[in-house]
Protein backbone atom coordinates (compact mmCIF):
# COMPACT_ATOMS: atom_id res chain seq x y z
CA MET A 1 191.65 -7.28 55.71
CA ASN A 2 191.75 -3.60 56.70
CA GLU A 3 188.25 -3.70 58.17
CA ARG A 4 188.95 -6.23 60.89
CA ARG A 5 187.30 -5.51 64.21
CA GLN A 6 189.31 -3.49 66.71
CA THR A 7 190.27 -5.31 69.89
CA ASN A 8 189.39 -3.30 72.97
CA ARG A 9 190.46 -3.52 76.58
CA VAL A 10 187.57 -5.82 77.45
CA GLN A 11 188.80 -8.45 75.01
CA ASP A 12 192.50 -7.96 75.70
CA ASP A 13 192.80 -8.33 79.44
CA GLY A 14 189.65 -10.23 80.30
CA ARG A 15 188.85 -8.09 83.33
CA GLY A 16 185.24 -7.70 82.24
CA THR A 17 185.37 -3.91 82.50
CA SER A 18 183.52 -1.78 79.97
CA GLU A 19 185.47 0.20 77.40
CA VAL A 20 186.21 3.80 78.33
CA VAL A 21 185.15 6.43 75.81
CA VAL A 22 185.54 10.21 75.74
CA VAL A 23 183.14 12.34 73.69
CA THR A 24 183.73 16.07 73.28
CA GLY A 25 180.71 18.23 72.57
CA ALA A 26 178.64 15.55 74.31
CA SER A 27 175.88 17.79 75.66
CA ALA A 28 173.86 18.10 72.44
CA GLY A 29 173.54 17.18 68.78
CA VAL A 30 175.79 14.53 67.27
CA GLY A 31 177.88 14.24 70.44
CA ARG A 32 174.76 13.54 72.52
CA ALA A 33 173.62 10.86 70.06
CA ILE A 34 177.09 9.26 70.08
CA ALA A 35 177.11 9.13 73.89
CA ARG A 36 173.72 7.41 73.86
CA GLU A 37 174.87 4.86 71.28
CA PHE A 38 177.94 3.87 73.28
CA ALA A 39 175.87 3.76 76.47
CA ARG A 40 173.60 1.16 74.86
CA HIS A 41 176.69 -1.04 74.62
CA GLY A 42 177.60 -0.54 78.26
CA ALA A 43 180.50 1.90 77.84
CA ALA A 44 181.91 4.14 80.54
CA ILE A 45 181.81 7.60 78.98
CA GLY A 46 183.59 10.83 79.77
CA LEU A 47 181.21 13.58 78.67
CA LEU A 48 183.02 16.82 77.81
CA ALA A 49 181.08 20.01 77.07
CA ARG A 50 180.59 23.57 78.31
CA GLY A 51 176.92 23.58 79.35
CA ASN A 52 175.86 22.24 82.75
CA ASP A 53 172.25 21.62 81.71
CA GLY A 54 173.22 19.65 78.62
CA LEU A 55 175.80 17.65 80.56
CA ALA A 56 173.22 16.77 83.20
CA GLY A 57 170.83 15.58 80.50
CA ALA A 58 173.57 13.56 78.78
CA THR A 59 174.50 11.95 82.11
CA ASP A 60 170.89 10.89 82.65
CA ASP A 61 170.74 9.44 79.12
CA VAL A 62 173.92 7.40 79.53
CA GLU A 63 172.94 5.95 82.91
CA ARG A 64 169.38 5.19 81.75
CA LEU A 65 170.71 3.29 78.73
CA GLY A 66 173.09 1.14 80.75
CA GLY A 67 176.40 3.02 80.63
CA ARG A 68 178.46 4.90 83.20
CA ALA A 69 178.83 8.65 82.88
CA LEU A 70 181.41 11.16 84.04
CA ALA A 71 180.41 14.72 83.13
CA ILE A 72 183.27 17.20 82.97
CA ARG A 73 182.64 20.83 82.11
CA THR A 74 185.28 21.56 79.48
CA ASP A 75 185.96 24.21 76.87
CA THR A 76 188.00 22.30 74.29
CA ALA A 77 189.54 25.57 73.08
CA ASP A 78 191.62 25.49 76.29
CA ASP A 79 194.33 22.83 76.08
CA ARG A 80 194.77 22.79 79.86
CA GLN A 81 191.11 21.98 80.42
CA VAL A 82 191.29 19.17 77.88
CA GLU A 83 194.38 17.69 79.51
CA GLU A 84 192.81 17.91 82.96
CA ALA A 85 189.67 16.22 81.67
CA ALA A 86 191.71 13.35 80.20
CA GLU A 87 193.51 12.89 83.52
CA ARG A 88 190.24 12.80 85.42
CA VAL A 89 188.67 10.28 83.04
CA GLU A 90 191.58 7.89 83.43
CA ARG A 91 191.61 8.37 87.19
CA GLU A 92 187.88 7.75 87.68
CA LEU A 93 186.89 5.50 84.77
CA GLY A 94 190.13 3.83 83.69
CA PRO A 95 192.43 3.90 80.64
CA ILE A 96 190.82 5.58 77.65
CA ASP A 97 190.05 3.18 74.80
CA ILE A 98 188.28 5.55 72.38
CA TRP A 99 188.45 9.34 72.11
CA ILE A 100 185.90 11.07 69.86
CA ASN A 101 186.51 14.69 68.83
CA ASN A 102 183.20 16.32 68.01
CA ALA A 103 182.90 19.76 69.67
CA MET A 104 182.30 22.63 67.25
CA VAL A 105 181.00 26.17 66.85
CA SER A 106 180.30 28.15 63.71
CA VAL A 107 179.16 31.52 62.38
CA LEU A 108 176.77 31.91 59.45
CA SER A 109 177.97 35.08 57.79
CA PRO A 110 179.56 36.47 54.63
CA ALA A 111 183.32 36.56 55.08
CA LEU A 112 183.52 40.34 54.71
CA GLN A 113 181.21 40.74 57.70
CA MET A 114 183.20 38.35 59.91
CA THR A 115 185.40 39.74 62.68
CA PRO A 116 188.87 38.51 63.64
CA ALA A 117 187.35 37.36 66.94
CA ASP A 118 184.81 35.23 65.06
CA TYR A 119 187.52 33.46 63.09
CA ARG A 120 189.68 33.01 66.16
CA ARG A 121 186.91 31.45 68.24
CA VAL A 122 185.72 29.04 65.52
CA THR A 123 189.30 27.98 64.83
CA GLU A 124 190.11 27.46 68.52
CA VAL A 125 187.10 25.19 69.11
CA THR A 126 186.54 23.45 65.79
CA TYR A 127 190.18 22.94 64.83
CA LEU A 128 192.47 23.41 67.83
CA GLY A 129 189.98 21.63 70.07
CA TYR A 130 190.49 18.54 67.90
CA VAL A 131 194.26 18.96 68.09
CA TYR A 132 194.22 19.26 71.88
CA GLY A 133 191.87 16.31 72.26
CA THR A 134 193.86 14.11 69.90
CA LEU A 135 197.17 14.86 71.61
CA ALA A 136 195.70 14.31 75.08
CA ALA A 137 194.45 10.92 73.93
CA LEU A 138 197.69 9.93 72.21
CA ARG A 139 199.81 10.83 75.22
CA ARG A 140 197.98 8.02 76.97
CA MET A 141 197.33 5.58 74.13
CA VAL A 142 200.73 5.52 72.43
CA PRO A 143 202.64 4.20 75.49
CA ARG A 144 200.02 1.43 75.81
CA ASP A 145 200.16 0.84 72.03
CA ARG A 146 196.39 0.63 71.67
CA GLY A 147 193.39 2.90 71.34
CA VAL A 148 191.24 4.67 68.76
CA VAL A 149 190.81 8.38 68.00
CA VAL A 150 187.75 9.31 65.92
CA GLN A 151 187.57 12.70 64.23
CA ILE A 152 184.04 13.87 63.41
CA GLY A 153 184.62 15.51 60.06
CA SER A 154 182.37 16.90 57.38
CA ALA A 155 181.85 17.02 53.66
CA LEU A 156 182.66 20.71 54.15
CA GLY A 157 186.20 19.66 55.03
CA TYR A 158 186.58 18.74 51.34
CA ARG A 159 184.19 21.14 49.60
CA SER A 160 183.57 24.54 51.20
CA ILE A 161 180.28 26.40 50.90
CA PRO A 162 179.48 30.11 51.18
CA LEU A 163 178.58 31.74 54.51
CA GLN A 164 180.64 29.27 56.57
CA SER A 165 184.20 30.23 55.74
CA ALA A 166 185.46 29.85 59.33
CA TYR A 167 183.87 26.45 59.90
CA CYS A 168 184.91 25.09 56.49
CA ALA A 169 188.48 26.27 57.01
CA ALA A 170 188.59 24.59 60.43
CA LYS A 171 187.30 21.30 59.01
CA HIS A 172 189.90 21.45 56.21
CA ALA A 173 192.53 22.00 58.89
CA VAL A 174 191.34 18.96 60.86
CA HIS A 175 191.61 16.87 57.71
CA GLY A 176 195.18 18.02 57.09
CA PHE A 177 196.22 17.53 60.71
CA THR A 178 194.76 14.03 60.79
CA GLU A 179 196.47 12.85 57.61
CA SER A 180 199.84 14.17 58.76
CA LEU A 181 199.51 12.58 62.18
CA ARG A 182 198.37 9.26 60.75
CA SER A 183 201.56 8.98 58.70
CA GLU A 184 203.61 9.68 61.82
CA LEU A 185 201.85 6.89 63.72
CA ILE A 186 202.46 4.49 60.85
CA HIS A 187 206.12 5.53 60.74
CA ASP A 188 206.47 4.78 64.45
CA GLY A 189 204.81 1.39 64.09
CA SER A 190 202.05 2.38 66.50
CA ARG A 191 198.91 0.26 66.77
CA VAL A 192 196.86 3.30 67.79
CA HIS A 193 194.22 3.82 65.13
CA LEU A 194 193.24 7.27 63.82
CA THR A 195 190.06 7.49 61.77
CA SER A 196 187.58 10.10 60.47
CA VAL A 197 183.83 10.08 59.88
CA GLN A 198 182.66 12.59 57.25
CA LEU A 199 179.17 13.94 57.89
CA PRO A 200 176.34 15.23 55.70
CA ALA A 201 173.80 17.79 56.90
CA VAL A 202 172.45 16.70 60.28
CA ASN A 203 169.38 17.74 62.26
CA THR A 204 171.04 19.09 65.41
CA PRO A 205 170.22 22.00 67.74
CA GLN A 206 173.17 24.05 66.41
CA PHE A 207 170.91 25.78 63.89
CA SER A 208 168.90 27.21 66.76
CA TRP A 209 171.94 28.70 68.50
CA ILE A 210 174.57 29.29 65.83
CA LYS A 211 175.68 32.92 65.52
CA THR A 212 174.24 34.34 62.32
CA ARG A 213 174.24 37.60 60.42
CA MET A 214 171.71 36.40 57.87
CA PRO A 215 168.10 37.63 57.89
CA ARG A 216 166.41 34.22 58.10
CA HIS A 217 166.64 31.18 60.38
CA PRO A 218 169.63 28.89 59.63
CA GLN A 219 169.04 25.35 58.43
CA PRO A 220 171.16 22.35 57.34
CA VAL A 221 171.47 22.01 53.58
CA PRO A 222 169.02 19.27 52.51
CA PRO A 223 168.95 16.30 52.43
CA ILE A 224 169.11 16.11 56.21
CA TYR A 225 169.90 13.13 58.44
CA GLN A 226 169.05 12.45 62.07
CA PRO A 227 172.03 12.43 64.49
CA GLU A 228 171.35 8.78 65.36
CA VAL A 229 172.40 7.81 61.82
CA ILE A 230 175.77 9.38 62.53
CA ALA A 231 176.03 7.81 65.99
CA ARG A 232 175.55 4.29 64.64
CA ALA A 233 178.22 4.88 62.02
CA VAL A 234 180.66 6.29 64.60
CA TYR A 235 180.21 3.31 66.91
CA TRP A 236 180.88 0.89 64.05
CA VAL A 237 183.91 2.82 62.79
CA ALA A 238 185.38 3.01 66.30
CA HIS A 239 185.48 -0.80 66.36
CA HIS A 240 186.78 -1.45 62.84
CA ARG A 241 189.97 -0.39 61.11
CA ARG A 242 188.65 2.08 58.60
CA ARG A 243 190.83 5.00 57.56
CA ASP A 244 187.86 7.14 56.61
CA PHE A 245 184.09 6.67 56.55
CA SER A 246 181.59 8.86 54.71
CA VAL A 247 177.93 9.00 55.74
CA GLY A 248 175.26 9.77 53.14
CA PHE A 249 175.26 10.10 49.37
CA PRO A 250 175.49 13.94 49.60
CA THR A 251 178.84 13.58 51.40
CA VAL A 252 180.18 11.29 48.69
CA LYS A 253 178.94 13.61 45.95
CA ALA A 254 180.59 16.62 47.56
CA ILE A 255 183.94 14.88 48.04
CA VAL A 256 184.06 13.25 44.61
CA GLY A 257 182.54 16.22 42.81
CA ASN A 258 185.14 18.61 44.15
CA LYS A 259 187.87 16.41 42.70
CA PHE A 260 186.51 16.64 39.18
CA ILE A 261 184.34 19.76 38.82
CA PRO A 262 185.47 22.27 41.47
CA GLY A 263 185.02 25.27 39.19
CA TRP A 264 181.47 24.33 38.30
CA LEU A 265 180.69 23.81 42.00
CA ASP A 266 181.96 27.34 42.75
CA HIS A 267 179.23 28.78 40.54
CA TYR A 268 176.59 26.25 41.58
CA LEU A 269 177.08 27.03 45.27
CA ALA A 270 177.13 30.75 44.55
CA ALA A 271 173.67 30.30 43.05
CA ILE A 272 172.07 28.05 45.68
CA GLY A 273 174.31 28.26 48.76
CA TYR A 274 172.63 31.26 50.38
CA GLU A 275 169.02 30.14 50.07
CA SER A 276 169.71 26.50 50.93
CA GLN A 277 171.13 27.46 54.34
CA GLN A 278 168.11 29.52 55.43
CA THR A 279 164.45 28.81 56.03
CA HIS A 280 161.69 31.28 55.17
CA GLU A 281 161.33 32.32 58.80
CA PRO A 282 163.02 35.56 59.94
CA VAL A 283 165.60 35.39 62.70
CA ASP A 284 164.32 36.71 66.01
CA PRO A 285 165.90 40.05 66.95
CA GLY A 286 168.49 39.67 69.69
CA ARG A 287 168.67 35.91 69.20
CA PRO A 288 171.32 34.47 71.59
CA ASP A 289 174.12 32.25 70.33
CA ASN A 290 176.61 29.82 71.84
CA LEU A 291 179.80 31.06 70.21
CA TYR A 292 181.45 32.13 73.47
CA THR A 293 179.14 30.85 76.21
CA PRO A 294 176.72 27.90 76.28
CA LEU A 295 173.00 28.61 76.28
CA PRO A 296 170.96 27.50 79.29
CA GLY A 297 168.74 24.47 78.89
CA ASP A 298 169.05 20.90 77.67
CA TYR A 299 168.67 20.76 73.88
CA GLY A 300 169.09 17.02 73.38
CA ALA A 301 170.36 15.40 70.19
CA ARG A 302 167.81 16.48 67.58
CA GLY A 303 167.06 19.92 66.23
CA VAL A 304 163.86 21.39 64.83
CA PHE A 305 164.00 19.71 61.43
CA SER A 306 162.93 16.17 62.34
CA HIS A 307 159.99 16.32 59.93
CA ARG A 308 162.49 16.62 57.06
CA ALA A 309 165.26 14.36 58.37
CA GLN A 310 166.05 10.79 57.35
CA ASN A 311 166.45 8.03 59.93
CA PHE A 312 168.55 5.74 57.75
CA SER A 313 171.34 6.07 55.19
CA VAL A 314 171.48 3.46 52.45
CA GLN A 315 174.95 4.70 51.51
CA ALA A 316 176.25 4.25 55.07
CA TRP A 317 174.89 0.69 55.10
CA LEU A 318 176.58 -0.05 51.77
CA ASN A 319 179.79 1.56 53.03
CA ARG A 320 179.71 -0.52 56.18
CA TYR A 321 179.34 -3.81 54.31
CA ARG A 322 181.27 -2.88 51.20
CA THR A 323 183.82 -5.70 51.58
CA TRP A 324 181.19 -8.42 51.79
CA LEU A 325 179.17 -6.80 49.01
CA ALA A 326 182.27 -6.65 46.83
CA LEU A 327 183.11 -10.29 47.54
CA GLY A 328 179.51 -11.27 46.81
CA GLY A 329 179.60 -9.31 43.58
CA LEU A 330 182.85 -10.99 42.55
CA GLY A 331 181.34 -14.37 43.33
CA VAL A 332 178.29 -13.68 41.19
CA ALA A 333 180.48 -12.34 38.39
CA ALA A 334 182.71 -15.43 38.55
CA TRP A 335 179.69 -17.72 38.48
CA TRP A 336 178.23 -15.89 35.49
CA TRP A 337 181.55 -15.88 33.64
CA GLN A 338 182.08 -19.55 34.23
CA GLY A 339 178.62 -20.33 32.90
CA TRP A 340 179.01 -18.07 29.89
CA ALA A 341 182.48 -19.34 29.06
CA GLY A 342 181.28 -22.92 29.39
CA LEU A 343 178.56 -22.35 26.84
CA ASN A 344 180.94 -20.79 24.37
CA THR A 345 183.80 -23.30 24.70
CA SER A 346 181.83 -26.56 24.52
CA PRO A 347 183.32 -28.94 21.88
CA PRO A 348 181.28 -29.21 18.68
CA MET A 349 179.15 -32.30 18.27
CA ARG A 350 180.74 -35.05 16.23
CA ALA A 351 178.50 -36.94 13.93
CA SER A 352 178.66 -40.69 14.40
CA ARG A 353 178.34 -43.07 11.53
CA SER A 354 175.05 -44.29 12.87
CA SER A 355 173.64 -40.81 12.82
CA PHE A 356 173.30 -40.80 9.04
CA PRO A 357 170.75 -42.91 7.14
CA ARG A 358 172.22 -45.95 5.46
CA ARG A 359 172.60 -45.94 1.76
CA SER A 360 170.58 -48.45 -0.15
CA PHE A 361 173.59 -50.65 -0.98
CA ASP A 362 174.56 -50.83 2.69
CA VAL A 363 171.33 -52.45 3.64
CA PRO A 364 171.47 -56.25 3.39
CA VAL A 365 168.98 -57.73 0.99
CA ARG A 366 166.89 -60.54 2.29
CA ARG A 367 165.50 -62.92 -0.26
């Protein structure tokens, strides 16, 4: 079964050591929530991010929840920093079991107002950062023939939306890179597992610091999910052999819809894509952004849209247990079919001689 549980270092060698996990973009948002989730299970976590304040907060979270933390200030757009971070994690925490690529930046802007520098920066972090992280992990995992790399993807890696051309292009690139690399690992007979988690709109702090050229405050396109929903899914996927895992019905609709009605979606998103990505509040003049440098302060995992965000995804639950649900459905269908077929194939009743009344001349006459 392709969903069997991954074996990690704790189970393989019996040393009793916790699994070693690396999370990029761990200082805030989805990365912060993922670090907390793994900490609850006692993991030793390498926290990679640019901001000192966020890294300090993430370190406190991990240690408070029962994990071990190693905070490393890293800009994932720099391959040398990523490689040095991987070396330090293995030196101080042990061999890396799971590497999670999550760091991202974006710009909310019409494409014609974007600058070459904007595109370059988003591509270097949101695409090349994943490439550098994946290769750093594989250089260590492939010789050991074990390990898991998780790519935090997006529905926007399948269906682009207006105003985020750089981010959507980077997520498409991650998808293409991952599929190509996966085939290479299969060709080589490697047991290293490469998987992706496709996200819906999530309530993270990025909408308070994303660079924007729009007049009103950015927002995730509703419906919105809390980052803890994503973190639970990522933890589960990291320990099961799933090729790809989508979170939320909106993600599924975007991926499937783009396969069948891409032209209609072009016009639909042209009509609603601008308004759905902005609130009614104007953007503060001179608002700072984190495109090139991190903002001071610890922003945590959640953004400012908690009052509109969902804490649970029915679709993710169904996706997680789809094999058992399918087997249960087949069992019910087989039971029903057997009962229905039995009713329609029963042999007809045969009338016995005694079932008919006797004729008068068959009845003996007593005198």
